[in-house]
């Protein structure tokens, strides 16, 4: 069943269905009517020969330059051509699919004035999986994601480059291969309507938030396996403690821990072996919970932006075309900077638990570096080095991009958001965090198998069995990166969360 745009708000789950699962996209009849009405208003404005920004003027600092009617087509096409200044490696295909989906959804609001034909061409790109080649770098995130969206839009005219079945080629060749006819021209305001918006940063951020929500669940599971491996104390996760503070994310994380470790005989009570655990165990729900609350906030802001009209000017009628700043990415830039911190902290505390597992001074009787014969074997020593390297890199990446600004367009655009840099930074931190949590999983499995055999919790036993089916115990030194990579792929792309939730309920 297709995702219908324009009749209700797009959700993050809808976005993922289109971007990752390639569900078909269609416009609602209501959206088509709104789009056509706005386009009629633009045609009336052109006939009146009134000066309206983006319709018959130049752009940015050139907004006072009036363009002749005979040159309006060229004005819009030149906008795409001149603004395609992105550099660096290409965005992943799912990001570009997300950009197209979000741009269509914004235009479907009916405040743009763009022809229905142009929007339906973008939908044809999505449904036939023609992926414009869009470089990652080059957006200031405040006149919209100008450079990325220009690269996204050029193939509508048969210009630029595209990716078809993983192969980079000229847009004209890709369109021919997929039997897509390019547009012959752009009309008044259409080029501007295609590139004024926050859809590059929002697409990157949407994918990052979706995967961060899953990371939170994995982090609670990895925490519990480490808690068992270190004979941790369950009292710190008492419902009374977390209800006394009241933060919802913290309460949820502690509840997850209680569900996952239920029935475990590895777990201890306070005073049984020691009075307190270190903070990376005892305060884990407070840390994981803080990240949960921030990521929930990020999701709320994301879903608003996914359904926002971010064009400029906005067309309300033929007599009311208002130039504003909805293309400015500050709200998302700050949101993604918060997101960076939330994800980085998940990796930070995970690495500290990993250190406790491998360090004989902290591991409650486990052999040094989790190997039976330390000395001749280094075991998991350098696994911790690698994790430490990633969390240190994350600390650099977590520096907020939104506090920076460089004036552009002759100082007309004198404050910019750098939101796409924020989103890309959050994505990179997420990728590092997944690897750190995977390393904790790998170490906790090894540690549990080095302990005297006991009973794992109702949830952790599912995770242990799922991973141990694919990852064997390490008797002596091995080349470790294949183990790390395999564990990463199992926890990130496998069904570990779903299998655990089948047993204990939603995390």
Protein backbone atom coordinates (compact mmCIF):
# COMPACT_ATOMS: atom_id res chain seq x y z
CA UNK A 1 0.00 0.00 0.00
CA UNK A 2 1.41 3.39 -1.01
CA UNK A 3 2.21 6.26 1.35
CA UNK A 4 -0.24 9.06 0.50
CA UNK A 5 1.19 12.55 0.90
CA UNK A 6 -0.85 15.67 1.52
CA UNK A 7 -3.85 14.33 3.44
CA UNK A 8 -2.18 13.74 6.82
CA UNK A 9 1.16 14.38 8.45
CA UNK A 10 4.09 12.21 7.45
CA UNK A 11 5.54 10.26 10.41
CA UNK A 12 9.06 8.99 10.93
CA UNK A 13 7.82 5.44 10.38
CA UNK A 14 6.21 6.51 7.07
CA UNK A 15 9.52 8.11 6.10
CA UNK A 16 11.42 4.88 6.82
CA UNK A 17 8.88 2.83 4.85
CA UNK A 18 9.60 4.91 1.74
CA UNK A 19 13.31 5.53 2.22
CA UNK A 20 14.46 2.07 3.34
CA UNK A 21 11.64 -0.25 2.35
CA UNK A 22 10.90 1.53 -0.96
CA UNK A 23 7.17 1.85 -0.44
CA UNK A 24 5.45 3.68 -3.29
CA UNK A 25 4.48 7.36 -2.91
CA UNK A 26 1.33 9.10 -4.18
CA UNK A 27 -0.25 12.54 -3.77
CA UNK A 28 -3.68 12.92 -2.24
CA UNK A 29 -6.40 14.62 -4.29
CA UNK A 30 -6.53 17.40 -1.68
CA UNK A 31 -2.81 18.05 -2.17
CA UNK A 32 -3.19 18.19 -5.94
CA UNK A 33 -5.96 20.76 -5.60
CA UNK A 34 -3.83 22.92 -3.28
CA UNK A 35 -0.82 22.69 -5.60
CA UNK A 36 -2.86 23.69 -8.66
CA UNK A 37 -4.47 26.62 -6.85
CA UNK A 38 -1.09 27.99 -5.73
CA UNK A 39 0.27 27.60 -9.26
CA UNK A 40 -2.68 29.58 -10.65
CA UNK A 41 -1.84 32.33 -8.17
CA UNK A 42 1.75 32.47 -9.45
CA UNK A 43 0.49 32.74 -13.05
CA UNK A 44 -1.73 35.67 -12.06
CA UNK A 45 1.23 37.40 -10.39
CA UNK A 46 3.34 37.02 -13.54
CA UNK A 47 0.52 38.50 -15.66
CA UNK A 48 0.24 41.49 -13.30
CA UNK A 49 3.98 42.15 -13.78
CA UNK A 50 4.34 43.02 -10.11
CA UNK A 51 7.78 42.72 -8.52
CA UNK A 52 7.74 39.60 -6.33
CA UNK A 53 10.87 38.00 -4.89
CA UNK A 54 11.77 34.70 -6.48
CA UNK A 55 9.12 35.03 -9.17
CA UNK A 56 10.55 37.84 -11.31
CA UNK A 57 13.62 38.98 -9.34
CA UNK A 58 17.12 37.74 -8.75
CA UNK A 59 18.04 35.88 -5.57
CA UNK A 60 19.77 36.73 -2.30
CA UNK A 61 21.71 39.98 -2.67
CA UNK A 62 20.34 40.19 -6.23
CA UNK A 63 16.73 40.33 -5.04
CA UNK A 64 16.32 43.92 -6.30
CA UNK A 65 17.20 42.95 -9.87
CA UNK A 66 13.97 42.68 -11.92
CA UNK A 67 13.88 39.91 -14.54
CA UNK A 68 12.03 40.21 -17.86
CA UNK A 69 9.12 37.84 -18.48
CA UNK A 70 10.98 36.35 -21.44
CA UNK A 71 13.84 35.33 -19.13
CA UNK A 72 11.87 33.79 -16.26
CA UNK A 73 12.44 30.22 -17.44
CA UNK A 74 16.16 30.83 -17.75
CA UNK A 75 16.25 32.47 -14.30
CA UNK A 76 14.90 29.34 -12.60
CA UNK A 77 17.06 26.92 -14.57
CA UNK A 78 20.18 29.01 -13.94
CA UNK A 79 19.38 28.92 -10.24
CA UNK A 80 19.71 25.13 -10.17
CA UNK A 81 22.79 25.14 -12.40
CA UNK A 82 24.67 27.83 -10.46
CA UNK A 83 23.75 26.51 -7.02
CA UNK A 84 24.94 22.93 -7.62
CA UNK A 85 28.21 23.58 -5.80
CA UNK A 86 28.32 20.62 -3.42
CA UNK A 87 31.59 18.87 -2.74
CA UNK A 88 32.82 15.71 -1.03
CA UNK A 89 31.51 12.18 -1.08
CA UNK A 90 27.94 11.50 -2.13
CA UNK A 91 25.10 11.13 0.34
CA UNK A 92 23.87 7.56 0.75
CA UNK A 93 20.97 6.66 -1.51
CA UNK A 94 18.52 6.48 1.40
CA UNK A 95 19.38 10.07 2.36
CA UNK A 96 18.64 11.30 -1.17
CA UNK A 97 15.39 9.33 -1.31
CA UNK A 98 14.55 11.02 1.97
CA UNK A 99 15.38 14.46 0.57
CA UNK A 100 13.06 13.92 -2.39
CA UNK A 101 10.27 12.56 -0.20
CA UNK A 102 10.47 15.46 2.23
CA UNK A 103 10.65 18.05 -0.55
CA UNK A 104 7.55 16.58 -2.19
CA UNK A 105 5.78 16.58 1.18
CA UNK A 106 6.67 20.26 1.77
CA UNK A 107 5.53 21.28 -1.72
CA UNK A 108 2.31 19.31 -1.23
CA UNK A 109 1.31 21.86 1.43
CA UNK A 110 0.34 24.13 -1.47
CA UNK A 111 2.22 27.29 -0.51
CA UNK A 112 4.84 27.11 -3.24
CA UNK A 113 3.22 27.81 -6.58
CA UNK A 114 5.13 25.06 -8.36
CA UNK A 115 3.36 23.06 -11.09
CA UNK A 116 1.91 19.67 -10.19
CA UNK A 117 3.91 18.24 -13.10
CA UNK A 118 7.21 19.08 -11.38
CA UNK A 119 6.21 17.47 -8.09
CA UNK A 120 4.96 14.35 -9.87
CA UNK A 121 8.30 14.07 -11.66
CA UNK A 122 10.07 13.95 -8.27
CA UNK A 123 7.60 11.27 -7.19
CA UNK A 124 8.45 9.31 -10.35
CA UNK A 125 12.13 9.50 -9.35
CA UNK A 126 11.26 8.09 -5.92
CA UNK A 127 9.03 5.29 -7.21
CA UNK A 128 11.47 4.22 -9.94
CA UNK A 129 14.44 4.60 -7.55
CA UNK A 130 16.36 7.08 -9.65
CA UNK A 131 18.77 8.67 -7.17
CA UNK A 132 20.26 12.11 -7.94
CA UNK A 133 23.97 12.30 -7.06
CA UNK A 134 24.15 14.74 -4.13
CA UNK A 135 27.49 15.63 -2.47
CA UNK A 136 27.39 15.80 1.33
CA UNK A 137 29.19 19.09 1.85
CA UNK A 138 28.38 22.65 0.81
CA UNK A 139 25.22 23.66 2.68
CA UNK A 140 25.02 26.54 5.16
CA UNK A 141 21.56 25.39 6.18
CA UNK A 142 19.87 28.77 6.13
CA UNK A 143 18.67 29.73 2.66
CA UNK A 144 17.58 26.19 2.67
CA UNK A 145 19.96 23.39 1.83
CA UNK A 146 20.69 25.19 -1.42
CA UNK A 147 23.59 23.19 -2.82
CA UNK A 148 22.30 19.69 -1.93
CA UNK A 149 18.79 20.45 -3.17
CA UNK A 150 20.15 21.94 -6.40
CA UNK A 151 22.01 18.69 -7.06
CA UNK A 152 18.83 16.78 -6.21
CA UNK A 153 16.77 18.90 -8.65
CA UNK A 154 19.09 19.13 -11.67
CA UNK A 155 18.14 15.66 -13.00
CA UNK A 156 14.53 16.86 -13.36
CA UNK A 157 15.89 18.73 -16.39
CA UNK A 158 18.14 15.87 -17.46
CA UNK A 159 21.20 17.62 -15.99
CA UNK A 160 23.75 16.57 -13.38
CA UNK A 161 24.40 12.99 -12.34
CA UNK A 162 22.32 10.15 -10.92
CA UNK A 163 22.82 6.72 -9.38
CA UNK A 164 20.92 3.78 -10.88
CA UNK A 165 21.34 0.37 -9.24
CA UNK A 166 24.49 1.61 -7.54
CA UNK A 167 26.09 2.95 -10.74
CA UNK A 168 26.92 6.65 -11.08
CA UNK A 169 26.11 8.07 -14.51
CA UNK A 170 25.00 11.20 -16.37
CA UNK A 171 21.42 12.12 -15.55
CA UNK A 172 20.38 11.91 -19.20
CA UNK A 173 21.56 8.29 -19.36
CA UNK A 174 19.88 7.35 -16.08
CA UNK A 175 16.55 8.85 -17.08
CA UNK A 176 16.65 7.01 -20.40
CA UNK A 177 17.51 3.74 -18.63
CA UNK A 178 14.48 4.01 -16.37
CA UNK A 179 12.19 5.40 -19.09
CA UNK A 180 11.74 8.78 -17.39
CA UNK A 181 11.17 11.87 -19.54
CA UNK A 182 12.88 14.99 -18.15
CA UNK A 183 11.05 18.29 -17.78
CA UNK A 184 11.50 20.61 -20.77
CA UNK A 185 11.75 23.76 -18.64
CA UNK A 186 10.98 25.38 -15.28
CA UNK A 187 8.42 28.13 -14.88
CA UNK A 188 8.29 31.14 -12.55
CA UNK A 189 9.49 30.40 -9.00
CA UNK A 190 9.92 26.66 -9.59
CA UNK A 191 13.70 26.50 -9.24
CA UNK A 192 13.52 28.45 -6.00
CA UNK A 193 10.69 26.25 -4.74
CA UNK A 194 12.81 23.16 -5.28
CA UNK A 195 15.84 24.35 -3.31
CA UNK A 196 14.42 26.56 -0.53
CA UNK A 197 14.11 24.16 2.38
CA UNK A 198 15.76 22.08 5.08
CA UNK A 199 15.27 18.70 3.46
CA UNK A 200 18.93 17.59 3.32
CA UNK A 201 19.55 18.14 7.03
CA UNK A 202 16.11 16.77 7.89
CA UNK A 203 16.59 13.58 5.86
CA UNK A 204 19.97 12.88 7.48
CA UNK A 205 18.52 13.71 10.89
CA UNK A 206 15.46 11.51 10.39
CA UNK A 207 17.54 8.44 9.61
CA UNK A 208 19.82 9.22 12.55
CA UNK A 209 16.95 9.63 15.01
CA UNK A 210 15.31 6.39 13.86
CA UNK A 211 18.53 4.47 14.37
CA UNK A 212 19.26 6.28 17.65
CA UNK A 213 15.95 5.07 19.08
CA UNK A 214 17.08 1.51 18.35
CA UNK A 215 20.51 2.23 19.83
CA UNK A 216 18.85 3.20 23.13
CA UNK A 217 17.25 -0.23 23.37
CA UNK A 218 20.50 -1.96 22.52
CA UNK A 219 22.35 0.10 25.11
CA UNK A 220 19.94 -1.07 27.84
CA UNK A 221 20.47 -4.68 26.76
CA UNK A 222 24.27 -4.35 26.64
CA UNK A 223 24.20 -2.65 30.06
CA UNK A 224 22.34 -5.64 31.50
CA UNK A 225 24.78 -8.19 30.09
CA UNK A 226 27.66 -6.17 31.53
CA UNK A 227 25.80 -5.90 34.84
CA UNK A 228 25.56 -9.68 34.95
CA UNK A 229 29.16 -10.19 33.85
CA UNK A 230 30.33 -7.88 36.67
CA UNK A 231 27.92 -9.37 39.27
CA UNK A 232 26.26 -5.97 39.50
CA UNK A 233 23.75 -4.77 42.07
CA UNK A 234 20.07 -4.62 41.08
CA UNK A 235 18.94 -2.28 43.89
CA UNK A 236 20.06 0.79 41.92
CA UNK A 237 17.31 0.06 39.39
CA UNK A 238 14.50 -0.05 41.97
CA UNK A 239 11.30 1.55 40.69
CA UNK A 240 11.11 3.64 43.87
CA UNK A 241 14.43 5.36 43.16
CA UNK A 242 13.53 6.41 39.63
CA UNK A 243 9.95 7.41 40.41
CA UNK A 244 11.36 9.63 43.17
CA UNK A 245 13.20 11.68 40.56
CA UNK A 246 10.47 11.60 37.92
CA UNK A 247 12.26 11.83 34.56
CA UNK A 248 10.43 9.62 32.07
CA UNK A 249 13.47 8.43 30.13
CA UNK A 250 15.24 7.38 33.32
CA UNK A 251 12.13 5.57 34.56
CA UNK A 252 11.84 3.72 31.23
CA UNK A 253 15.49 2.66 31.18
CA UNK A 254 15.35 1.34 34.75
CA UNK A 255 12.15 -0.55 33.92
CA UNK A 256 13.91 -2.10 30.94
CA UNK A 257 16.77 -3.24 33.16
CA UNK A 258 14.40 -4.85 35.64
CA UNK A 259 12.59 -6.71 32.85
CA UNK A 260 15.80 -7.86 31.18
CA UNK A 261 17.57 -9.17 34.31
CA UNK A 262 14.53 -10.78 35.92
CA UNK A 263 15.48 -14.22 37.22
CA UNK A 264 19.23 -13.71 36.82
CA UNK A 265 21.48 -15.37 39.40
CA UNK A 266 24.49 -13.39 38.17
CA UNK A 267 22.92 -10.23 39.63
CA UNK A 268 23.55 -9.39 43.30
CA UNK A 269 21.92 -7.22 45.96
CA UNK A 270 23.55 -4.35 47.83
CA UNK A 271 25.85 -5.62 50.57
CA UNK A 272 25.97 -9.14 49.14
CA UNK A 273 29.36 -8.77 47.41
CA UNK A 274 29.86 -4.99 47.78
CA UNK A 275 27.90 -1.96 48.88
CA UNK A 276 27.77 0.01 45.61
CA UNK A 277 28.64 -0.31 41.94
CA UNK A 278 30.61 2.25 39.96
CA UNK A 279 28.64 4.98 38.20
CA UNK A 280 28.80 3.35 34.75
CA UNK A 281 26.59 0.60 36.22
CA UNK A 282 24.77 2.29 39.11
CA UNK A 283 23.91 5.50 37.21
CA UNK A 284 23.38 3.91 33.80
CA UNK A 285 19.62 4.48 33.76
CA UNK A 286 20.11 8.12 34.67
CA UNK A 287 22.50 8.53 31.72
CA UNK A 288 20.57 6.38 29.24
CA UNK A 289 17.37 8.09 30.38
CA UNK A 290 18.74 11.56 29.76
CA UNK A 291 19.56 10.51 26.21
CA UNK A 292 16.09 8.98 25.84
CA UNK A 293 14.44 12.27 26.77
CA UNK A 294 16.62 14.29 24.40
CA UNK A 295 16.00 11.89 21.52
CA UNK A 296 12.25 12.04 22.21
CA UNK A 297 12.48 15.84 21.98
CA UNK A 298 14.44 15.52 18.72
CA UNK A 299 11.75 13.24 17.29
CA UNK A 300 9.01 15.77 18.14
CA UNK A 301 10.89 18.59 16.39
CA UNK A 302 11.76 16.35 13.45
CA UNK A 303 8.17 15.34 12.73
CA UNK A 304 7.08 18.99 12.80
CA UNK A 305 9.82 19.91 10.31
CA UNK A 306 9.05 16.93 8.07
CA UNK A 307 5.59 18.43 7.49
CA UNK A 308 6.54 22.11 7.37
CA UNK A 309 6.30 24.61 4.52
CA UNK A 310 9.92 25.75 4.24
CA UNK A 311 9.67 27.59 0.93
CA UNK A 312 10.22 31.33 0.39
CA UNK A 313 8.23 33.29 -0.48
CA UNK A 314 5.02 31.53 0.57
CA UNK A 315 2.02 31.95 -1.73
CA UNK A 316 -1.23 32.45 0.18
CA UNK A 317 -3.14 34.07 -2.71
CA UNK A 318 -2.41 36.05 -5.86
CA UNK A 319 -2.48 39.17 -3.69
CA UNK A 320 -0.59 37.77 -0.73
CA UNK A 321 2.89 36.41 -1.38
CA UNK A 322 4.98 36.83 1.76
CA UNK A 323 8.76 36.62 1.88
CA UNK A 324 9.98 35.21 5.18
CA UNK A 325 12.54 32.81 6.60
CA UNK A 326 11.01 29.35 7.02
CA UNK A 327 14.00 27.93 5.15
CA UNK A 328 16.29 28.83 8.08
CA UNK A 329 17.50 25.62 9.69
CA UNK A 330 18.22 26.89 13.20
CA UNK A 331 15.56 24.84 14.96
CA UNK A 332 16.87 21.64 13.39
CA UNK A 333 20.51 22.66 13.78
CA UNK A 334 20.07 23.04 17.52
CA UNK A 335 18.01 19.86 17.68
CA UNK A 336 20.70 17.84 15.91
CA UNK A 337 23.38 19.35 18.12
CA UNK A 338 21.40 18.15 21.17
CA UNK A 339 21.10 14.78 19.42
CA UNK A 340 24.87 14.58 19.03
CA UNK A 341 25.36 14.93 22.78
CA UNK A 342 22.62 12.38 23.55
CA UNK A 343 24.15 9.73 21.31
CA UNK A 344 27.74 10.48 22.33
CA UNK A 345 26.87 9.91 25.99
CA UNK A 346 25.49 6.45 25.22
CA UNK A 347 28.88 5.55 23.73
CA UNK A 348 30.79 7.24 26.56
CA UNK A 349 29.18 5.20 29.33
CA UNK A 350 29.28 2.01 27.26
CA UNK A 351 33.06 2.38 26.83
CA UNK A 352 33.43 2.83 30.60
CA UNK A 353 31.61 -0.46 31.20
CA UNK A 354 33.84 -2.10 28.60
CA UNK A 355 36.89 -0.82 30.52
CA UNK A 356 35.55 -2.37 33.73
CA UNK A 357 35.13 -5.70 31.96
CA UNK A 358 38.71 -5.86 30.65
CA UNK A 359 40.57 -4.22 33.55
CA UNK A 360 41.54 -6.82 36.21
CA UNK A 361 41.57 -4.10 38.88
CA UNK A 362 37.88 -3.37 38.20
CA UNK A 363 36.35 -6.57 36.81
CA UNK A 364 35.48 -8.37 40.05
CA UNK A 365 37.71 -11.39 39.54
CA UNK A 366 37.66 -11.78 35.77
CA UNK A 367 41.00 -12.58 34.10
CA UNK A 368 42.95 -9.64 32.68
CA UNK A 369 41.59 -8.51 29.31
CA UNK A 370 39.08 -11.37 29.24
CA UNK A 371 41.38 -14.15 28.12
CA UNK A 372 42.28 -17.39 29.92
CA UNK A 373 46.03 -16.98 29.65
CA UNK A 374 46.87 -13.25 29.79
CA UNK A 375 50.44 -12.29 29.03
CA UNK A 376 51.03 -14.53 26.06
CA UNK A 377 47.53 -13.39 25.02
CA UNK A 378 46.38 -9.74 24.94
CA UNK A 379 42.73 -10.71 24.66
CA UNK A 380 40.35 -7.74 24.55
CA UNK A 381 42.99 -5.15 25.46
CA UNK A 382 42.93 -3.32 22.13
CA UNK A 383 39.17 -3.67 21.75
CA UNK A 384 38.97 -1.14 24.56
CA UNK A 385 41.58 1.05 22.82
CA UNK A 386 39.42 1.11 19.71
CA UNK A 387 36.31 2.01 21.71
CA UNK A 388 38.23 4.73 23.53
CA UNK A 389 39.34 6.14 20.19
CA UNK A 390 35.76 6.29 18.93
CA UNK A 391 34.36 8.02 21.99
CA UNK A 392 37.20 10.53 21.88
CA UNK A 393 36.40 11.23 18.23
CA UNK A 394 32.76 11.67 19.20
CA UNK A 395 33.71 14.38 21.69
CA UNK A 396 35.18 16.41 18.83
CA UNK A 397 32.19 15.74 16.57
CA UNK A 398 29.78 16.75 19.36
CA UNK A 399 30.95 20.36 19.25
CA UNK A 400 27.80 22.32 18.28
CA UNK A 401 27.72 23.47 14.67
CA UNK A 402 24.70 25.71 15.31
CA UNK A 403 26.73 28.26 17.29
CA UNK A 404 28.75 29.05 14.16
CA UNK A 405 27.69 31.38 11.36
CA UNK A 406 29.39 32.85 8.29
CA UNK A 407 27.66 35.65 6.30
CA UNK A 408 26.90 34.88 2.66
CA UNK A 409 25.32 36.42 -0.46
CA UNK A 410 26.90 39.84 0.01
CA UNK A 411 25.91 39.85 3.69
CA UNK A 412 22.20 39.66 2.82
CA UNK A 413 22.19 36.23 4.42
CA UNK A 414 24.17 37.30 7.49
CA UNK A 415 23.19 34.52 9.89
CA UNK A 416 23.13 30.86 8.91
CA UNK A 417 22.42 27.67 10.86
CA UNK A 418 25.02 25.11 9.72
CA UNK A 419 22.23 22.59 10.33
CA UNK A 420 23.38 20.09 7.74
CA UNK A 421 26.76 19.95 9.45
CA UNK A 422 24.91 19.28 12.73
CA UNK A 423 22.93 16.45 11.13
CA UNK A 424 25.97 14.88 9.50
CA UNK A 425 27.84 15.09 12.81
CA UNK A 426 24.99 13.33 14.62
CA UNK A 427 25.03 10.60 11.97
CA UNK A 428 28.79 10.10 12.35
CA UNK A 429 28.55 9.97 16.14
CA UNK A 430 25.75 7.41 15.81
CA UNK A 431 27.89 5.18 13.60
CA UNK A 432 30.70 5.31 16.16
CA UNK A 433 28.29 4.67 19.04
CA UNK A 434 26.90 1.54 17.42
CA UNK A 435 30.43 0.15 17.18
CA UNK A 436 31.21 0.97 20.81
CA UNK A 437 28.03 -0.73 22.04
CA UNK A 438 28.83 -3.73 19.82
CA UNK A 439 32.25 -3.96 21.49
CA UNK A 440 30.58 -3.92 24.91
CA UNK A 441 28.30 -6.75 23.80
CA UNK A 442 31.28 -8.75 22.57
CA UNK A 443 33.19 -8.25 25.83
CA UNK A 444 30.21 -9.00 28.07
CA UNK A 445 29.59 -12.32 26.29
CA UNK A 446 33.23 -13.26 26.80
CA UNK A 447 33.11 -12.22 30.46
CA UNK A 448 29.96 -14.22 31.18
CA UNK A 449 31.55 -17.33 29.71
CA UNK A 450 34.60 -16.83 31.92
CA UNK A 451 32.42 -16.80 35.04
CA UNK A 452 31.10 -19.81 36.91
CA UNK A 453 27.95 -20.78 35.04
CA UNK A 454 24.76 -19.27 36.48
CA UNK A 455 21.31 -18.33 35.16
CA UNK A 456 20.96 -15.27 32.92
CA UNK A 457 17.97 -12.96 33.04
CA UNK A 458 14.81 -13.61 31.06
CA UNK A 459 15.75 -10.94 28.49
CA UNK A 460 19.53 -11.12 28.58
CA UNK A 461 19.43 -14.87 27.96
CA UNK A 462 17.66 -14.20 24.64
CA UNK A 463 20.32 -11.66 23.65
CA UNK A 464 23.13 -13.95 24.78
CA UNK A 465 21.80 -16.94 22.82
CA UNK A 466 21.15 -14.85 19.70
CA UNK A 467 24.68 -13.48 19.67
CA UNK A 468 26.43 -16.66 20.77
CA UNK A 469 24.82 -18.54 17.90
CA UNK A 470 26.90 -16.36 15.58
CA UNK A 471 29.92 -15.39 17.74
CA UNK A 472 32.09 -18.05 19.34
CA UNK A 473 34.04 -17.75 22.59
CA UNK A 474 37.61 -16.55 22.08
CA UNK A 475 40.06 -19.02 23.66
CA UNK A 476 43.28 -17.27 22.63
CA UNK A 477 44.33 -14.26 20.59
CA UNK A 478 42.51 -13.88 17.31
CA UNK A 479 42.38 -11.18 14.65
CA UNK A 480 39.69 -9.17 16.38
CA UNK A 481 38.24 -6.81 13.78
CA UNK A 482 36.09 -9.50 12.09
CA UNK A 483 34.51 -10.28 15.47
CA UNK A 484 33.83 -6.60 16.09
CA UNK A 485 32.37 -6.13 12.60
CA UNK A 486 30.20 -9.22 12.89
CA UNK A 487 28.88 -8.23 16.31
CA UNK A 488 28.18 -4.71 15.01
CA UNK A 489 26.19 -6.05 12.08
CA UNK A 490 24.23 -8.45 14.30
CA UNK A 491 23.18 -5.80 16.80
CA UNK A 492 22.59 -3.00 14.28
CA UNK A 493 21.01 -4.82 11.36
CA UNK A 494 19.86 -8.10 12.91
CA UNK A 495 16.74 -8.98 14.88
CA UNK A 496 18.18 -8.92 18.40
CA UNK A 497 15.80 -6.20 19.63
CA UNK A 498 12.75 -7.91 18.14
CA UNK A 499 13.68 -11.28 19.70
CA UNK A 500 14.23 -9.74 23.13
CA UNK A 501 10.98 -7.76 22.92
CA UNK A 502 9.08 -10.94 22.05
CA UNK A 503 10.14 -12.23 25.45
CA UNK A 504 9.97 -9.19 27.74
CA UNK A 505 7.71 -6.72 25.90
CA UNK A 506 8.49 -3.40 24.32
CA UNK A 507 11.69 -1.73 25.56
